Amino acid sequence: MSRKLQANRLNMQAFAQDGTPLLETTLLQNLERLAQEAHGLAPDSVVSWQARAELRPQAGADDQIWLHLQAQTTVPLTCQRCMGAVAMPLEVDQWYRFVADEDIAMTEDDQSEEDLLVMEPQFDLLAVLEDELLMALPLVPMHEQCPVAPVLSAGEGDIGPDAAEKPHPFAVLAQLKGKK
């Protein structure tokens, strides 16, 4: 069975002992949560990624398992100014340290610079990859300069020259107050 099939159920201890990195490409459409954020995906849109695990000795205890994850892709998102597609490059370069359980992770999280992950018998590396790419998405995707001028609108009508023709509501009130 190939490693590619095991990326979503990886034995981290064996992966770290082996020391051989995974170099993969995954179709963006296979990362469902990320694909939902996209403004239409080309069928051949991919994430290029690599993962490497290592054992680091620690005094008086078992070796620690560390994981280094790197990924690159470009995701078409919806520009919040012109509502057209804008290609957003995303990159991930993250280290993780594995701990035995959730309690240890909660206790050590504030003191550690690296991200902590809980050791599982079958670790889902693809889920971590997708989580990191989702966190790398910009809060407000926009072109630096939109290819099409945005259409501005407020309420029911467009903002433009016609807006000046309508009387201002407070002007009408001022006229009523002046008649008294």
C-alpha atoms as a PDB file:
ATOM      1  CA  MET A   1       0.000   0.000   0.000  1.00  0.00           C
ATOM      2  CA  SER A   2       1.460   3.399  -0.908  1.00  0.00           C
ATOM      3  CA  ARG A   3       2.052   6.218   1.529  1.00  0.00           C
ATOM      4  CA  LYS A   4      -0.244   8.466  -0.443  1.00  0.00           C
ATOM      5  CA  LEU A   5      -3.192   6.301   0.594  1.00  0.00           C
ATOM      6  CA  GLN A   6      -2.058   6.464   4.216  1.00  0.00           C
ATOM      7  CA  ALA A   7      -1.727  10.256   4.576  1.00  0.00           C
ATOM      8  CA  ASN A   8      -5.159  10.367   6.223  1.00  0.00           C
ATOM      9  CA  ARG A   9      -4.336   7.489   8.614  1.00  0.00           C
ATOM     10  CA  LEU A  10      -0.643   7.778   9.345  1.00  0.00           C
ATOM     11  CA  ASN A  11       1.229   6.000  12.141  1.00  0.00           C
ATOM     12  CA  MET A  12       3.336   8.936  13.348  1.00  0.00           C
ATOM     13  CA  GLN A  13       5.756   6.809  15.397  1.00  0.00           C
ATOM     14  CA  ALA A  14       6.614   4.656  12.361  1.00  0.00           C
ATOM     15  CA  PHE A  15       6.715   7.722  10.089  1.00  0.00           C
ATOM     16  CA  ALA A  16       9.192   9.473  12.411  1.00  0.00           C
ATOM     17  CA  GLN A  17      11.347   6.355  12.787  1.00  0.00           C
ATOM     18  CA  ASP A  18      11.441   5.866   9.001  1.00  0.00           C
ATOM     19  CA  GLY A  19      12.584   9.471   8.455  1.00  0.00           C
ATOM     20  CA  THR A  20      11.548   9.507   4.794  1.00  0.00           C
ATOM     21  CA  PRO A  21       9.526  12.620   3.911  1.00  0.00           C
ATOM     22  CA  LEU A  22       6.206  12.502   2.098  1.00  0.00           C
ATOM     23  CA  LEU A  23       6.226  14.627  -1.066  1.00  0.00           C
ATOM     24  CA  GLU A  24       2.681  14.811  -2.419  1.00  0.00           C
ATOM     25  CA  THR A  25       0.172  16.709  -4.504  1.00  0.00           C
ATOM     26  CA  THR A  26      -3.482  16.656  -3.525  1.00  0.00           C
ATOM     27  CA  LEU A  27      -6.357  17.905  -5.639  1.00  0.00           C
ATOM     28  CA  LEU A  28      -7.967  20.973  -4.067  1.00  0.00           C
ATOM     29  CA  GLN A  29     -11.395  19.474  -4.696  1.00  0.00           C
ATOM     30  CA  ASN A  30     -10.443  16.621  -2.328  1.00  0.00           C
ATOM     31  CA  LEU A  31     -10.034  19.141   0.508  1.00  0.00           C
ATOM     32  CA  GLU A  32     -13.772  19.764   0.774  1.00  0.00           C
ATOM     33  CA  ARG A  33     -13.810  22.609   3.321  1.00  0.00           C
ATOM     34  CA  LEU A  34     -11.162  24.528   1.379  1.00  0.00           C
ATOM     35  CA  ALA A  35     -12.937  23.843  -1.925  1.00  0.00           C
ATOM     36  CA  GLN A  36     -16.123  25.397  -0.483  1.00  0.00           C
ATOM     37  CA  GLU A  37     -14.244  28.677   0.015  1.00  0.00           C
ATOM     38  CA  ALA A  38     -13.090  28.757  -3.614  1.00  0.00           C
ATOM     39  CA  HIS A  39     -14.601  30.865  -6.385  1.00  0.00           C
ATOM     40  CA  GLY A  40     -14.759  27.937  -8.815  1.00  0.00           C
ATOM     41  CA  LEU A  41     -11.931  25.423  -9.046  1.00  0.00           C
ATOM     42  CA  ALA A  42     -10.181  24.146 -12.114  1.00  0.00           C
ATOM     43  CA  PRO A  43     -10.273  20.330 -12.121  1.00  0.00           C
ATOM     44  CA  ASP A  44      -6.464  20.215 -12.029  1.00  0.00           C
ATOM     45  CA  SER A  45      -5.999  22.660  -9.093  1.00  0.00           C
ATOM     46  CA  VAL A  46      -3.612  21.073  -6.606  1.00  0.00           C
ATOM     47  CA  VAL A  47      -1.846  21.604  -3.306  1.00  0.00           C
ATOM     48  CA  SER A  48       1.833  20.661  -3.388  1.00  0.00           C
ATOM     49  CA  TRP A  49       2.940  19.617   0.060  1.00  0.00           C
ATOM     50  CA  GLN A  50       5.554  17.769   1.997  1.00  0.00           C
ATOM     51  CA  ALA A  51       5.698  16.385   5.497  1.00  0.00           C
ATOM     52  CA  ARG A  52       8.685  15.163   7.466  1.00  0.00           C
ATOM     53  CA  ALA A  53       8.627  13.646  10.942  1.00  0.00           C
ATOM     54  CA  GLU A  54      11.573  13.235  13.245  1.00  0.00           C
ATOM     55  CA  LEU A  55      12.382  11.894  16.683  1.00  0.00           C
ATOM     56  CA  ARG A  56      14.056  14.371  19.031  1.00  0.00           C
ATOM     57  CA  PRO A  57      15.723  13.038  22.168  1.00  0.00           C
ATOM     58  CA  GLN A  58      14.602  14.417  25.506  1.00  0.00           C
ATOM     59  CA  ALA A  59      16.366  13.913  28.807  1.00  0.00           C
ATOM     60  CA  GLY A  60      14.848  11.246  31.031  1.00  0.00           C
ATOM     61  CA  ALA A  61      11.907  10.422  28.737  1.00  0.00           C
ATOM     62  CA  ASP A  62      10.975   8.903  25.396  1.00  0.00           C
ATOM     63  CA  ASP A  63      11.983  10.725  22.244  1.00  0.00           C
ATOM     64  CA  GLN A  64       9.545  13.412  21.135  1.00  0.00           C
ATOM     65  CA  ILE A  65       7.883  13.172  17.733  1.00  0.00           C
ATOM     66  CA  TRP A  66       7.986  16.358  15.688  1.00  0.00           C
ATOM     67  CA  LEU A  67       6.321  17.011  12.327  1.00  0.00           C
ATOM     68  CA  HIS A  68       7.249  19.650   9.767  1.00  0.00           C
ATOM     69  CA  LEU A  69       4.516  20.456   7.236  1.00  0.00           C
ATOM     70  CA  GLN A  70       5.021  22.665   4.182  1.00  0.00           C
ATOM     71  CA  ALA A  71       2.476  23.393   1.462  1.00  0.00           C
ATOM     72  CA  GLN A  72       1.914  25.726  -1.474  1.00  0.00           C
ATOM     73  CA  THR A  73      -1.155  26.340  -3.592  1.00  0.00           C
ATOM     74  CA  THR A  74      -3.186  29.073  -5.232  1.00  0.00           C
ATOM     75  CA  VAL A  75      -6.892  29.236  -4.465  1.00  0.00           C
ATOM     76  CA  PRO A  76      -9.366  31.350  -6.454  1.00  0.00           C
ATOM     77  CA  LEU A  77     -11.395  33.385  -3.953  1.00  0.00           C
ATOM     78  CA  THR A  78     -14.127  35.995  -4.354  1.00  0.00           C
ATOM     79  CA  CYS A  79     -12.786  39.558  -4.327  1.00  0.00           C
ATOM     80  CA  GLN A  80     -14.821  41.485  -1.763  1.00  0.00           C
ATOM     81  CA  ARG A  81     -14.613  44.668  -3.826  1.00  0.00           C
ATOM     82  CA  CYS A  82     -15.575  43.593  -7.362  1.00  0.00           C
ATOM     83  CA  MET A  83     -16.982  40.107  -6.551  1.00  0.00           C
ATOM     84  CA  GLY A  84     -14.806  38.559  -9.283  1.00  0.00           C
ATOM     85  CA  ALA A  85     -12.284  35.756  -8.839  1.00  0.00           C
ATOM     86  CA  VAL A  86      -8.912  36.648  -7.345  1.00  0.00           C
ATOM     87  CA  ALA A  87      -6.081  34.090  -7.253  1.00  0.00           C
ATOM     88  CA  MET A  88      -4.665  33.927  -3.708  1.00  0.00           C
ATOM     89  CA  PRO A  89      -1.372  32.139  -3.129  1.00  0.00           C
ATOM     90  CA  LEU A  90      -1.316  30.220   0.153  1.00  0.00           C
ATOM     91  CA  GLU A  91       1.734  28.864   1.943  1.00  0.00           C
ATOM     92  CA  VAL A  92       2.144  26.743   5.042  1.00  0.00           C
ATOM     93  CA  ASP A  93       5.427  26.169   6.889  1.00  0.00           C
ATOM     94  CA  GLN A  94       4.638  24.788  10.341  1.00  0.00           C
ATOM     95  CA  TRP A  95       6.263  22.623  13.019  1.00  0.00           C
ATOM     96  CA  TYR A  96       4.218  20.474  15.413  1.00  0.00           C
ATOM     97  CA  ARG A  97       5.175  18.519  18.510  1.00  0.00           C
ATOM     98  CA  PHE A  98       3.147  15.473  19.465  1.00  0.00           C
ATOM     99  CA  VAL A  99       1.988  14.875  23.033  1.00  0.00           C
ATOM    100  CA  ALA A 100       0.328  11.863  24.633  1.00  0.00           C
ATOM    101  CA  ASP A 101      -3.122  13.314  25.340  1.00  0.00           C
ATOM    102  CA  GLU A 102      -5.378  16.360  25.317  1.00  0.00           C
ATOM    103  CA  ASP A 103      -4.670  17.227  28.984  1.00  0.00           C
ATOM    104  CA  ILE A 104      -0.943  17.536  28.317  1.00  0.00           C
ATOM    105  CA  ALA A 105      -1.648  19.607  25.211  1.00  0.00           C
ATOM    106  CA  MET A 106      -3.838  22.015  27.198  1.00  0.00           C
ATOM    107  CA  THR A 107      -1.256  22.290  30.004  1.00  0.00           C
ATOM    108  CA  GLU A 108       1.748  22.893  27.715  1.00  0.00           C
ATOM    109  CA  ASP A 109       0.049  24.992  25.030  1.00  0.00           C
ATOM    110  CA  ASP A 110       0.646  28.385  26.651  1.00  0.00           C
ATOM    111  CA  GLN A 111       4.350  27.749  27.286  1.00  0.00           C
ATOM    112  CA  SER A 112       5.276  26.259  23.892  1.00  0.00           C
ATOM    113  CA  GLU A 113       6.063  28.195  20.739  1.00  0.00           C
ATOM    114  CA  GLU A 114       5.257  25.251  18.481  1.00  0.00           C
ATOM    115  CA  ASP A 115       1.798  23.862  17.857  1.00  0.00           C
ATOM    116  CA  LEU A 116       0.910  20.750  19.823  1.00  0.00           C
ATOM    117  CA  LEU A 117      -0.950  17.770  18.412  1.00  0.00           C
ATOM    118  CA  VAL A 118      -2.289  14.766  20.275  1.00  0.00           C
ATOM    119  CA  MET A 119      -0.819  11.412  19.288  1.00  0.00           C
ATOM    120  CA  GLU A 120      -3.427   9.166  17.668  1.00  0.00           C
ATOM    121  CA  PRO A 121      -3.052   5.582  16.402  1.00  0.00           C
ATOM    122  CA  GLN A 122      -4.023   6.726  12.893  1.00  0.00           C
ATOM    123  CA  PHE A 123      -3.191  10.400  12.448  1.00  0.00           C
ATOM    124  CA  ASP A 124      -5.056  12.354   9.736  1.00  0.00           C
ATOM    125  CA  LEU A 125      -2.332  14.470   8.153  1.00  0.00           C
ATOM    126  CA  LEU A 126      -4.647  15.659   5.364  1.00  0.00           C
ATOM    127  CA  ALA A 127      -7.036  17.174   7.932  1.00  0.00           C
ATOM    128  CA  VAL A 128      -4.148  19.121   9.506  1.00  0.00           C
ATOM    129  CA  LEU A 129      -3.026  20.252   6.044  1.00  0.00           C
ATOM    130  CA  GLU A 130      -6.537  21.486   5.249  1.00  0.00           C
ATOM    131  CA  ASP A 131      -6.832  23.240   8.633  1.00  0.00           C
ATOM    132  CA  GLU A 132      -3.568  25.098   8.036  1.00  0.00           C
ATOM    133  CA  LEU A 133      -4.604  26.170   4.527  1.00  0.00           C
ATOM    134  CA  LEU A 134      -7.958  27.418   5.844  1.00  0.00           C
ATOM    135  CA  MET A 135      -6.168  29.457   8.504  1.00  0.00           C
ATOM    136  CA  ALA A 136      -3.881  30.899   5.813  1.00  0.00           C
ATOM    137  CA  LEU A 137      -6.856  32.301   3.862  1.00  0.00           C
ATOM    138  CA  PRO A 138      -7.055  36.104   3.935  1.00  0.00           C
ATOM    139  CA  LEU A 139      -9.927  37.546   5.983  1.00  0.00           C
ATOM    140  CA  VAL A 140     -10.918  39.863   3.127  1.00  0.00           C
ATOM    141  CA  PRO A 141      -9.654  38.662  -0.262  1.00  0.00           C
ATOM    142  CA  MET A 142      -9.228  41.527  -2.731  1.00  0.00           C
ATOM    143  CA  HIS A 143      -7.370  42.364  -5.907  1.00  0.00           C
ATOM    144  CA  GLU A 144      -4.675  44.990  -5.476  1.00  0.00           C
ATOM    145  CA  GLN A 145      -6.467  46.725  -8.329  1.00  0.00           C
ATOM    146  CA  CYS A 146      -9.744  45.228  -9.533  1.00  0.00           C
ATOM    147  CA  PRO A 147      -9.868  44.442 -13.268  1.00  0.00           C
ATOM    148  CA  VAL A 148     -13.451  45.764 -13.380  1.00  0.00           C
ATOM    149  CA  ALA A 149     -14.619  48.819 -11.475  1.00  0.00           C
ATOM    150  CA  PRO A 150     -16.825  47.774  -8.564  1.00  0.00           C
ATOM    151  CA  VAL A 151     -20.511  48.716  -8.669  1.00  0.00           C
ATOM    152  CA  LEU A 152     -21.426  50.486  -5.459  1.00  0.00           C
ATOM    153  CA  SER A 153     -24.938  50.208  -4.138  1.00  0.00           C
ATOM    154  CA  ALA A 154     -26.748  50.899  -0.917  1.00  0.00           C
ATOM    155  CA  GLY A 155     -30.212  49.701  -0.069  1.00  0.00           C
ATOM    156  CA  GLU A 156     -32.555  49.546  -3.014  1.00  0.00           C
ATOM    157  CA  GLY A 157     -30.901  52.028  -5.365  1.00  0.00           C
ATOM    158  CA  ASP A 158     -27.443  52.540  -6.799  1.00  0.00           C
ATOM    159  CA  ILE A 159     -25.223  55.328  -5.581  1.00  0.00           C
ATOM    160  CA  GLY A 160     -24.795  57.745  -8.423  1.00  0.00           C
ATOM    161  CA  PRO A 161     -26.124  60.941  -9.980  1.00  0.00           C
ATOM    162  CA  ASP A 162     -29.770  59.930  -9.385  1.00  0.00           C
ATOM    163  CA  ALA A 163     -29.184  59.961  -5.634  1.00  0.00           C
ATOM    164  CA  ALA A 164     -28.841  63.762  -5.687  1.00  0.00           C
ATOM    165  CA  GLU A 165     -32.382  64.160  -7.078  1.00  0.00           C
ATOM    166  CA  LYS A 166     -34.064  62.736  -3.979  1.00  0.00           C
ATOM    167  CA  PRO A 167     -34.689  65.260  -1.188  1.00  0.00           C
ATOM    168  CA  HIS A 168     -32.789  64.673   1.993  1.00  0.00           C
ATOM    169  CA  PRO A 169     -35.221  63.473   4.707  1.00  0.00           C
ATOM    170  CA  PHE A 170     -33.957  66.020   7.248  1.00  0.00           C
ATOM    171  CA  ALA A 171     -34.404  68.831   4.715  1.00  0.00           C
ATOM    172  CA  VAL A 172     -38.099  67.933   4.519  1.00  0.00           C
ATOM    173  CA  LEU A 173     -38.299  68.042   8.334  1.00  0.00           C
ATOM    174  CA  ALA A 174     -36.604  71.459   8.372  1.00  0.00           C
ATOM    175  CA  GLN A 175     -39.220  72.765   5.936  1.00  0.00           C
ATOM    176  CA  LEU A 176     -42.039  71.458   8.146  1.00  0.00           C
ATOM    177  CA  LYS A 177     -40.484  73.034  11.233  1.00  0.00           C
ATOM    178  CA  GLY A 178     -40.121  76.366   9.404  1.00  0.00           C
ATOM    179  CA  LYS A 179     -43.870  76.458   8.579  1.00  0.00           C
ATOM    180  CA  LYS A 180     -44.872  76.623  12.246  1.00  0.00           C
END
